[in-house]
Amino acid sequence: MGTFELAISVAPGDIDELGHVNNVTYIRWVQEAAVGHWRTLASAKDHAELVWIVVRHEIDYLRPAYAGEQIVARTWVGSATRLKFDRHTEIVRGEVVLARARTVWCPLSAATGKPTAVSTEVRQRFSVPEST
């Protein structure tokens, strides 16, 4: 339940002057997968009460992607503290991993714009236990 997949069609506008997907596009896909995950699993109450900001991105580019390819962004939340959630994302073409990302997100109160803790229910709904 904690893993979410977003199908992506690589568009001509995603390609840079080197002929493959631009690095910034991968970051956009990481964010789109995270937002899709949130919108799919969060309750209406959660949507009304919480918004999220990125406080850190780390991404490893492993293989290029090209126009016309069908790829998938697979994302899940790993460890979470009161105010920081580690979100992991893999961009894959079949079984080949093109990029791996770790993004740290912070929940904000939609009413105040200030960092806020989330409920145990939200944490359990999104987090996938990390193996040790």
N, C-alpha and C. Protein backbone atom coordinates (compact mmCIF):
# COMPACT_ATOMS: atom_id res chain seq x y z
N MET A 1 0.81 -1.20 0.00
CA MET A 1 0.00 0.00 0.00
C MET A 1 0.86 1.26 0.00
N GLY A 2 2.07 1.19 0.54
CA GLY A 2 2.90 2.38 0.66
C GLY A 2 3.65 2.76 -0.59
N THR A 3 3.71 1.89 -1.61
CA THR A 3 4.42 2.20 -2.84
C THR A 3 3.43 2.67 -3.90
N PHE A 4 3.85 3.67 -4.67
CA PHE A 4 3.01 4.26 -5.70
C PHE A 4 3.80 4.30 -7.00
N GLU A 5 3.12 4.04 -8.12
CA GLU A 5 3.78 4.09 -9.42
C GLU A 5 3.06 5.08 -10.33
N LEU A 6 3.86 5.86 -11.05
CA LEU A 6 3.36 6.84 -12.00
C LEU A 6 3.94 6.51 -13.37
N ALA A 7 3.08 6.21 -14.34
CA ALA A 7 3.53 5.94 -15.71
C ALA A 7 3.88 7.26 -16.38
N ILE A 8 4.98 7.25 -17.12
CA ILE A 8 5.47 8.45 -17.78
C ILE A 8 5.80 8.13 -19.23
N SER A 9 5.34 8.99 -20.13
CA SER A 9 5.74 8.93 -21.54
C SER A 9 6.74 10.06 -21.75
N VAL A 10 7.95 9.72 -22.16
CA VAL A 10 8.98 10.73 -22.35
C VAL A 10 8.62 11.56 -23.59
N ALA A 11 8.43 12.86 -23.37
CA ALA A 11 8.02 13.77 -24.44
C ALA A 11 9.23 14.46 -25.07
N PRO A 12 9.10 14.91 -26.30
CA PRO A 12 10.21 15.62 -26.94
C PRO A 12 10.71 16.81 -26.12
N GLY A 13 9.83 17.50 -25.40
CA GLY A 13 10.24 18.63 -24.57
C GLY A 13 11.07 18.25 -23.36
N ASP A 14 11.14 16.96 -23.03
CA ASP A 14 11.94 16.48 -21.91
C ASP A 14 13.41 16.30 -22.28
N ILE A 15 13.71 16.39 -23.57
CA ILE A 15 15.04 16.09 -24.09
C ILE A 15 15.91 17.34 -24.14
N ASP A 16 17.18 17.19 -23.75
CA ASP A 16 18.11 18.32 -23.78
C ASP A 16 19.00 18.27 -25.03
N GLU A 17 19.96 19.17 -25.11
CA GLU A 17 20.82 19.26 -26.28
C GLU A 17 21.74 18.05 -26.45
N LEU A 18 21.83 17.20 -25.44
CA LEU A 18 22.63 15.98 -25.54
C LEU A 18 21.83 14.81 -26.09
N GLY A 19 20.51 15.03 -26.31
CA GLY A 19 19.68 14.00 -26.92
C GLY A 19 19.03 13.04 -25.95
N HIS A 20 19.13 13.32 -24.65
CA HIS A 20 18.45 12.48 -23.66
C HIS A 20 17.70 13.35 -22.67
N VAL A 21 16.96 12.72 -21.77
CA VAL A 21 16.16 13.47 -20.80
C VAL A 21 17.05 14.35 -19.95
N ASN A 22 16.63 15.61 -19.80
CA ASN A 22 17.35 16.59 -19.01
C ASN A 22 17.25 16.24 -17.52
N ASN A 23 18.31 16.53 -16.77
CA ASN A 23 18.33 16.23 -15.34
C ASN A 23 17.19 16.89 -14.58
N VAL A 24 16.83 18.10 -14.96
CA VAL A 24 15.74 18.80 -14.28
C VAL A 24 14.42 18.07 -14.47
N THR A 25 14.26 17.42 -15.61
CA THR A 25 13.03 16.66 -15.86
C THR A 25 12.89 15.51 -14.87
N TYR A 26 13.98 14.85 -14.54
CA TYR A 26 13.92 13.78 -13.55
C TYR A 26 13.40 14.32 -12.21
N ILE A 27 13.87 15.50 -11.83
CA ILE A 27 13.39 16.09 -10.57
C ILE A 27 11.90 16.39 -10.66
N ARG A 28 11.45 16.88 -11.80
CA ARG A 28 10.00 17.12 -11.98
C ARG A 28 9.23 15.81 -11.81
N TRP A 29 9.73 14.73 -12.42
CA TRP A 29 9.05 13.44 -12.30
C TRP A 29 9.03 12.96 -10.85
N VAL A 30 10.11 13.16 -10.12
CA VAL A 30 10.15 12.78 -8.70
C VAL A 30 9.05 13.53 -7.94
N GLN A 31 8.91 14.81 -8.22
CA GLN A 31 7.87 15.59 -7.55
C GLN A 31 6.48 15.16 -7.99
N GLU A 32 6.28 14.92 -9.28
CA GLU A 32 4.96 14.49 -9.76
C GLU A 32 4.55 13.15 -9.15
N ALA A 33 5.51 12.25 -8.98
CA ALA A 33 5.20 10.96 -8.35
C ALA A 33 4.81 11.16 -6.89
N ALA A 34 5.53 12.02 -6.17
CA ALA A 34 5.21 12.29 -4.77
C ALA A 34 3.83 12.90 -4.63
N VAL A 35 3.53 13.87 -5.47
CA VAL A 35 2.21 14.53 -5.42
C VAL A 35 1.11 13.53 -5.78
N GLY A 36 1.35 12.70 -6.78
CA GLY A 36 0.36 11.68 -7.14
C GLY A 36 0.10 10.70 -6.02
N HIS A 37 1.17 10.30 -5.34
CA HIS A 37 1.05 9.40 -4.20
C HIS A 37 0.19 10.04 -3.11
N TRP A 38 0.50 11.29 -2.77
CA TRP A 38 -0.26 12.01 -1.75
C TRP A 38 -1.72 12.12 -2.14
N ARG A 39 -1.98 12.54 -3.37
CA ARG A 39 -3.37 12.74 -3.81
C ARG A 39 -4.16 11.44 -3.83
N THR A 40 -3.49 10.34 -4.10
CA THR A 40 -4.16 9.05 -4.17
C THR A 40 -4.51 8.49 -2.80
N LEU A 41 -3.60 8.61 -1.84
CA LEU A 41 -3.81 7.96 -0.55
C LEU A 41 -4.30 8.85 0.59
N ALA A 42 -4.09 10.15 0.49
CA ALA A 42 -4.47 11.03 1.59
C ALA A 42 -5.99 11.24 1.61
N SER A 43 -6.52 11.38 2.80
CA SER A 43 -7.95 11.65 2.96
C SER A 43 -8.25 13.11 2.62
N ALA A 44 -9.51 13.41 2.44
CA ALA A 44 -9.94 14.79 2.20
C ALA A 44 -9.52 15.70 3.36
N LYS A 45 -9.60 15.18 4.57
CA LYS A 45 -9.19 15.94 5.76
C LYS A 45 -7.70 16.25 5.69
N ASP A 46 -6.88 15.23 5.32
CA ASP A 46 -5.44 15.44 5.19
C ASP A 46 -5.13 16.49 4.13
N HIS A 47 -5.83 16.43 3.01
CA HIS A 47 -5.63 17.41 1.94
C HIS A 47 -5.93 18.82 2.43
N ALA A 48 -6.96 18.96 3.23
CA ALA A 48 -7.36 20.28 3.73
C ALA A 48 -6.41 20.81 4.80
N GLU A 49 -5.78 19.91 5.55
CA GLU A 49 -4.96 20.34 6.69
C GLU A 49 -3.47 20.42 6.42
N LEU A 50 -2.97 19.68 5.43
CA LEU A 50 -1.52 19.58 5.23
C LEU A 50 -1.09 19.97 3.82
N VAL A 51 0.06 20.61 3.75
CA VAL A 51 0.78 20.81 2.49
C VAL A 51 2.22 20.39 2.76
N TRP A 52 2.99 20.19 1.71
CA TRP A 52 4.34 19.66 1.86
C TRP A 52 5.35 20.53 1.11
N ILE A 53 6.55 20.64 1.69
CA ILE A 53 7.64 21.32 1.00
C ILE A 53 8.85 20.40 0.98
N VAL A 54 9.65 20.56 -0.06
CA VAL A 54 10.90 19.82 -0.17
C VAL A 54 11.99 20.60 0.56
N VAL A 55 12.74 19.90 1.40
CA VAL A 55 13.88 20.54 2.07
C VAL A 55 15.22 20.00 1.56
N ARG A 56 15.17 18.90 0.79
CA ARG A 56 16.42 18.35 0.24
C ARG A 56 16.11 17.37 -0.88
N HIS A 57 16.90 17.44 -1.95
CA HIS A 57 16.86 16.46 -3.04
C HIS A 57 18.24 15.84 -3.18
N GLU A 58 18.29 14.54 -3.34
CA GLU A 58 19.51 13.83 -3.75
C GLU A 58 19.11 12.93 -4.90
N ILE A 59 19.85 12.96 -5.99
CA ILE A 59 19.49 12.11 -7.11
C ILE A 59 20.74 11.56 -7.77
N ASP A 60 20.69 10.28 -8.07
CA ASP A 60 21.76 9.61 -8.80
C ASP A 60 21.23 9.25 -10.17
N TYR A 61 21.87 9.79 -11.19
CA TYR A 61 21.49 9.51 -12.58
C TYR A 61 22.33 8.33 -13.05
N LEU A 62 21.67 7.21 -13.35
CA LEU A 62 22.38 5.97 -13.66
C LEU A 62 22.41 5.64 -15.14
N ARG A 63 21.32 5.92 -15.84
CA ARG A 63 21.22 5.63 -17.27
C ARG A 63 20.33 6.69 -17.93
N PRO A 64 20.55 6.99 -19.19
CA PRO A 64 19.71 7.99 -19.86
C PRO A 64 18.36 7.43 -20.28
N ALA A 65 17.42 8.33 -20.47
CA ALA A 65 16.12 8.02 -21.06
C ALA A 65 15.97 8.89 -22.30
N TYR A 66 15.16 8.41 -23.25
CA TYR A 66 15.05 9.08 -24.54
C TYR A 66 13.59 9.32 -24.91
N ALA A 67 13.38 10.25 -25.84
CA ALA A 67 12.04 10.59 -26.30
C ALA A 67 11.30 9.35 -26.79
N GLY A 68 10.03 9.29 -26.45
CA GLY A 68 9.18 8.19 -26.89
C GLY A 68 9.18 6.99 -25.98
N GLU A 69 10.08 6.94 -25.02
CA GLU A 69 10.12 5.78 -24.12
C GLU A 69 8.99 5.85 -23.09
N GLN A 70 8.58 4.68 -22.64
CA GLN A 70 7.61 4.54 -21.57
C GLN A 70 8.38 4.13 -20.33
N ILE A 71 8.32 4.94 -19.30
CA ILE A 71 9.03 4.66 -18.06
C ILE A 71 8.07 4.79 -16.88
N VAL A 72 8.56 4.45 -15.70
CA VAL A 72 7.74 4.50 -14.49
C VAL A 72 8.54 5.16 -13.38
N ALA A 73 7.87 6.04 -12.63
CA ALA A 73 8.43 6.57 -11.39
C ALA A 73 7.75 5.81 -10.25
N ARG A 74 8.55 5.10 -9.48
CA ARG A 74 8.06 4.31 -8.35
C ARG A 74 8.52 5.01 -7.07
N THR A 75 7.59 5.32 -6.17
CA THR A 75 7.95 6.09 -4.98
C THR A 75 7.34 5.50 -3.72
N TRP A 76 8.00 5.74 -2.61
CA TRP A 76 7.53 5.31 -1.29
C TRP A 76 8.20 6.17 -0.23
N VAL A 77 7.58 6.24 0.94
CA VAL A 77 8.15 6.95 2.07
C VAL A 77 8.81 5.94 2.98
N GLY A 78 10.05 6.24 3.33
CA GLY A 78 10.80 5.38 4.25
C GLY A 78 10.70 5.92 5.66
N SER A 79 11.83 6.25 6.23
CA SER A 79 11.83 6.72 7.61
C SER A 79 11.16 8.09 7.72
N ALA A 80 10.56 8.31 8.86
CA ALA A 80 9.88 9.58 9.09
C ALA A 80 10.07 9.98 10.54
N THR A 81 10.38 11.24 10.72
CA THR A 81 10.42 11.80 12.07
C THR A 81 9.21 12.72 12.20
N ARG A 82 9.19 13.48 13.23
CA ARG A 82 8.05 14.38 13.45
C ARG A 82 7.88 15.36 12.29
N LEU A 83 8.99 15.86 11.74
CA LEU A 83 8.90 16.91 10.72
C LEU A 83 9.65 16.60 9.42
N LYS A 84 10.23 15.43 9.30
CA LYS A 84 10.95 15.10 8.07
C LYS A 84 10.59 13.69 7.61
N PHE A 85 10.24 13.61 6.34
CA PHE A 85 9.87 12.35 5.73
C PHE A 85 10.82 12.07 4.58
N ASP A 86 11.52 10.93 4.63
CA ASP A 86 12.39 10.52 3.53
C ASP A 86 11.55 9.82 2.49
N ARG A 87 11.48 10.41 1.31
CA ARG A 87 10.75 9.81 0.20
C ARG A 87 11.78 9.30 -0.80
N HIS A 88 11.61 8.05 -1.20
CA HIS A 88 12.49 7.42 -2.17
C HIS A 88 11.76 7.27 -3.49
N THR A 89 12.48 7.47 -4.57
CA THR A 89 11.89 7.32 -5.90
C THR A 89 12.90 6.64 -6.81
N GLU A 90 12.41 5.70 -7.58
CA GLU A 90 13.20 5.10 -8.65
C GLU A 90 12.50 5.39 -9.96
N ILE A 91 13.26 5.84 -10.94
CA ILE A 91 12.76 6.00 -12.29
C ILE A 91 13.26 4.79 -13.06
N VAL A 92 12.34 3.99 -13.60
CA VAL A 92 12.73 2.72 -14.23
C VAL A 92 12.16 2.59 -15.64
N ARG A 93 12.89 1.87 -16.46
CA ARG A 93 12.43 1.45 -17.78
C ARG A 93 12.48 -0.07 -17.73
N GLY A 94 11.31 -0.68 -17.56
CA GLY A 94 11.28 -2.13 -17.33
C GLY A 94 11.96 -2.41 -16.00
N GLU A 95 12.97 -3.27 -16.05
CA GLU A 95 13.72 -3.62 -14.84
C GLU A 95 14.99 -2.77 -14.67
N VAL A 96 15.24 -1.88 -15.62
CA VAL A 96 16.46 -1.07 -15.58
C VAL A 96 16.19 0.22 -14.80
N VAL A 97 16.98 0.46 -13.77
CA VAL A 97 16.85 1.68 -12.98
C VAL A 97 17.63 2.79 -13.67
N LEU A 98 16.92 3.86 -14.04
CA LEU A 98 17.54 5.00 -14.71
C LEU A 98 18.05 6.04 -13.71
N ALA A 99 17.33 6.19 -12.61
CA ALA A 99 17.72 7.16 -11.58
C ALA A 99 17.12 6.75 -10.25
N ARG A 100 17.82 7.11 -9.19
CA ARG A 100 17.33 6.91 -7.82
C ARG A 100 17.40 8.25 -7.11
N ALA A 101 16.32 8.56 -6.39
CA ALA A 101 16.28 9.84 -5.68
C ALA A 101 15.85 9.63 -4.24
N ARG A 102 16.35 10.49 -3.40
CA ARG A 102 15.89 10.59 -2.01
C ARG A 102 15.54 12.06 -1.81
N THR A 103 14.31 12.30 -1.40
CA THR A 103 13.85 13.66 -1.17
C THR A 103 13.32 13.75 0.25
N VAL A 104 13.74 14.77 0.96
CA VAL A 104 13.24 14.99 2.32
C VAL A 104 12.13 16.03 2.24
N TRP A 105 10.96 15.64 2.72
CA TRP A 105 9.78 16.50 2.71
C TRP A 105 9.42 16.89 4.14
N CYS A 106 8.88 18.08 4.29
CA CYS A 106 8.41 18.57 5.58
C CYS A 106 6.93 18.92 5.47
N PRO A 107 6.10 18.41 6.40
CA PRO A 107 4.68 18.77 6.38
C PRO A 107 4.46 20.15 6.99
N LEU A 108 3.59 20.91 6.34
CA LEU A 108 3.20 22.23 6.85
C LEU A 108 1.71 22.25 7.10
N SER A 109 1.31 23.02 8.08
CA SER A 109 -0.11 23.28 8.31
C SER A 109 -0.61 24.15 7.16
N ALA A 110 -1.68 23.72 6.51
CA ALA A 110 -2.27 24.52 5.44
C ALA A 110 -2.79 25.85 5.97
N ALA A 111 -3.20 25.87 7.23
CA ALA A 111 -3.76 27.09 7.82
C ALA A 111 -2.70 28.12 8.19
N THR A 112 -1.56 27.64 8.70
CA THR A 112 -0.55 28.58 9.21
C THR A 112 0.70 28.66 8.33
N GLY A 113 0.93 27.64 7.51
CA GLY A 113 2.16 27.60 6.71
C GLY A 113 3.39 27.22 7.52
N LYS A 114 3.18 26.78 8.75
CA LYS A 114 4.29 26.41 9.63
C LYS A 114 4.43 24.89 9.69
N PRO A 115 5.67 24.41 9.94
CA PRO A 115 5.86 22.96 10.08
C PRO A 115 4.93 22.40 11.15
N THR A 116 4.41 21.20 10.86
CA THR A 116 3.48 20.56 11.78
C THR A 116 3.67 19.05 11.73
N ALA A 117 3.42 18.40 12.83
CA ALA A 117 3.49 16.94 12.88
C ALA A 117 2.26 16.35 12.20
N VAL A 118 2.41 15.16 11.67
CA VAL A 118 1.27 14.48 11.06
C VAL A 118 0.79 13.37 11.99
N SER A 119 -0.39 12.89 11.72
CA SER A 119 -0.98 11.85 12.56
C SER A 119 -0.26 10.52 12.33
N THR A 120 -0.40 9.64 13.30
CA THR A 120 0.13 8.29 13.17
C THR A 120 -0.50 7.59 11.97
N GLU A 121 -1.77 7.87 11.72
CA GLU A 121 -2.48 7.26 10.59
C GLU A 121 -1.82 7.65 9.25
N VAL A 122 -1.49 8.92 9.09
CA VAL A 122 -0.82 9.35 7.85
C VAL A 122 0.54 8.68 7.73
N ARG A 123 1.29 8.67 8.80
CA ARG A 123 2.61 8.05 8.79
C ARG A 123 2.51 6.57 8.41
N GLN A 124 1.55 5.86 8.97
CA GLN A 124 1.39 4.43 8.66
C GLN A 124 0.90 4.19 7.24
N ARG A 125 0.05 5.07 6.74
CA ARG A 125 -0.51 4.91 5.40
C ARG A 125 0.57 5.06 4.33
N PHE A 126 1.54 5.91 4.55
CA PHE A 126 2.53 6.21 3.52
C PHE A 126 3.87 5.53 3.71
N SER A 127 4.27 5.24 4.91
CA SER A 127 5.62 4.75 5.15
C SER A 127 5.74 3.25 4.89
N VAL A 128 6.86 2.92 4.30
CA VAL A 128 7.25 1.52 4.08
C VAL A 128 8.45 1.28 4.99
N PRO A 129 8.38 0.29 5.87
CA PRO A 129 9.52 0.05 6.77
C PRO A 129 10.79 -0.18 5.97
N GLU A 130 11.87 0.47 6.42
CA GLU A 130 13.15 0.30 5.74
C GLU A 130 13.87 -0.90 6.34
N SER A 131 14.47 -1.69 5.46
CA SER A 131 15.20 -2.87 5.96
C SER A 131 16.54 -2.42 6.51
N THR A 132 17.01 -3.15 7.49
CA THR A 132 18.28 -2.80 8.12
C THR A 132 19.39 -3.70 7.67
